Every structure is written in structure tokens, then in C-alpha cells.
Amino acid sequence: MSKQLTILFWGFVYGEVIGYISSALSGVSFSALTSGLTAMIVGFVAINALDFFVKDPKTTK
């Protein structure tokens, strides 16, 4: 559970940074909530999908 919360937290932080930089470079308005939530969802799905496909050899039978 703590792994999932850590992923969500850092996904939000990195989403804010990347969203701010990309909005400044492209000249569009910055939406903090949209960029943070989008990065949280993408990070959550990516990590869970990666865990599904990559298993620890010791635990698989």
C-alpha cells in the first residue's frame, strides 16, 4: 500500500514540474490540477502494469 501512495505522490510532484515547464515553453495556460492528476494516473497504471508483467523469480512457481 505504501508503494502505491509513494507512486501517486511522486507522480503528482513530477507532473506539476513537467506540466509547468511544458506550459511555459508552449505558451499555454498552466493547470496544476490537470497536470498533477494526469501524471498520477499514468504513473499508477504504468507501475501496476510493469509489476504485472515483471515478476520476481523467487516468488513465481
C-alpha atoms as a PDB file:
ATOM      1  CA  MET A   1       0.000   0.000   0.000  1.00  0.00           C
ATOM      2  CA  SER A   2       2.797   2.427   0.810  1.00  0.00           C
ATOM      3  CA  LYS A   3       4.364   1.730  -2.604  1.00  0.00           C
ATOM      4  CA  GLN A   4       1.143   2.836  -4.298  1.00  0.00           C
ATOM      5  CA  LEU A   5       0.922   6.019  -2.223  1.00  0.00           C
ATOM      6  CA  THR A   6       4.545   6.836  -2.969  1.00  0.00           C
ATOM      7  CA  ILE A   7       3.903   6.404  -6.697  1.00  0.00           C
ATOM      8  CA  LEU A   8       0.885   8.717  -6.508  1.00  0.00           C
ATOM      9  CA  PHE A   9       2.777  11.361  -4.529  1.00  0.00           C
ATOM     10  CA  TRP A  10       5.826  11.481  -6.776  1.00  0.00           C
ATOM     11  CA  GLY A  11       3.665  11.223  -9.881  1.00  0.00           C
ATOM     12  CA  PHE A  12       1.839  14.348  -8.777  1.00  0.00           C
ATOM     13  CA  VAL A  13       5.079  16.206  -7.994  1.00  0.00           C
ATOM     14  CA  TYR A  14       6.737  15.292 -11.289  1.00  0.00           C
ATOM     15  CA  GLY A  15       3.520  16.066 -13.152  1.00  0.00           C
ATOM     16  CA  GLU A  16       3.488  19.549 -11.683  1.00  0.00           C
ATOM     17  CA  VAL A  17       7.079  20.209 -12.708  1.00  0.00           C
ATOM     18  CA  ILE A  18       6.735  18.774 -16.196  1.00  0.00           C
ATOM     19  CA  GLY A  19       3.377  20.496 -16.715  1.00  0.00           C
ATOM     20  CA  TYR A  20       4.738  23.864 -15.627  1.00  0.00           C
ATOM     21  CA  ILE A  21       7.808  23.638 -17.841  1.00  0.00           C
ATOM     22  CA  SER A  22       5.861  22.426 -20.877  1.00  0.00           C
ATOM     23  CA  SER A  23       3.196  25.116 -20.479  1.00  0.00           C
ATOM     24  CA  ALA A  24       5.865  27.804 -20.184  1.00  0.00           C
ATOM     25  CA  LEU A  25       7.644  26.564 -23.291  1.00  0.00           C
ATOM     26  CA  SER A  26       4.471  26.202 -25.360  1.00  0.00           C
ATOM     27  CA  GLY A  27       2.806  29.412 -24.153  1.00  0.00           C
ATOM     28  CA  VAL A  28      -0.446  27.871 -22.920  1.00  0.00           C
ATOM     29  CA  SER A  29      -2.022  28.382 -19.511  1.00  0.00           C
ATOM     30  CA  PHE A  30      -0.882  26.092 -16.695  1.00  0.00           C
ATOM     31  CA  SER A  31      -3.481  23.932 -14.965  1.00  0.00           C
ATOM     32  CA  ALA A  32      -1.951  22.470 -11.809  1.00  0.00           C
ATOM     33  CA  LEU A  33      -4.750  20.036 -11.055  1.00  0.00           C
ATOM     34  CA  THR A  34      -4.928  18.628 -14.569  1.00  0.00           C
ATOM     35  CA  SER A  35      -1.197  18.103 -14.954  1.00  0.00           C
ATOM     36  CA  GLY A  36      -0.809  16.583 -11.488  1.00  0.00           C
ATOM     37  CA  LEU A  37      -3.740  14.182 -11.761  1.00  0.00           C
ATOM     38  CA  THR A  38      -2.789  13.110 -15.263  1.00  0.00           C
ATOM     39  CA  ALA A  39       0.727  12.221 -14.159  1.00  0.00           C
ATOM     40  CA  MET A  40      -0.625  10.395 -11.086  1.00  0.00           C
ATOM     41  CA  ILE A  41      -2.919   8.231 -13.198  1.00  0.00           C
ATOM     42  CA  VAL A  42      -0.269   7.485 -15.830  1.00  0.00           C
ATOM     43  CA  GLY A  43       2.309   6.601 -13.178  1.00  0.00           C
ATOM     44  CA  PHE A  44      -0.128   4.410 -11.261  1.00  0.00           C
ATOM     45  CA  VAL A  45      -1.166   2.471 -14.360  1.00  0.00           C
ATOM     46  CA  ALA A  46       2.412   2.147 -15.632  1.00  0.00           C
ATOM     47  CA  ILE A  47       3.827   0.825 -12.351  1.00  0.00           C
ATOM     48  CA  ASN A  48       0.989  -1.643 -11.844  1.00  0.00           C
ATOM     49  CA  ALA A  49       1.256  -2.867 -15.427  1.00  0.00           C
ATOM     50  CA  LEU A  50       5.005  -3.261 -15.032  1.00  0.00           C
ATOM     51  CA  ASP A  51       4.533  -5.223 -11.798  1.00  0.00           C
ATOM     52  CA  PHE A  52       2.053  -7.472 -13.575  1.00  0.00           C
ATOM     53  CA  PHE A  53       4.491  -8.356 -16.358  1.00  0.00           C
ATOM     54  CA  VAL A  54       7.748  -8.420 -14.366  1.00  0.00           C
ATOM     55  CA  LYS A  55       7.726 -10.951 -11.539  1.00  0.00           C
ATOM     56  CA  ASP A  56      10.439 -11.765  -9.017  1.00  0.00           C
ATOM     57  CA  PRO A  57      11.937 -15.150  -9.971  1.00  0.00           C
ATOM     58  CA  LYS A  58      11.952 -16.284  -6.339  1.00  0.00           C
ATOM     59  CA  THR A  59       8.208 -15.820  -5.847  1.00  0.00           C
ATOM     60  CA  THR A  60       6.973 -17.378  -9.111  1.00  0.00           C
ATOM     61  CA  LYS A  61       6.391 -21.119  -9.098  1.00  0.00           C
END
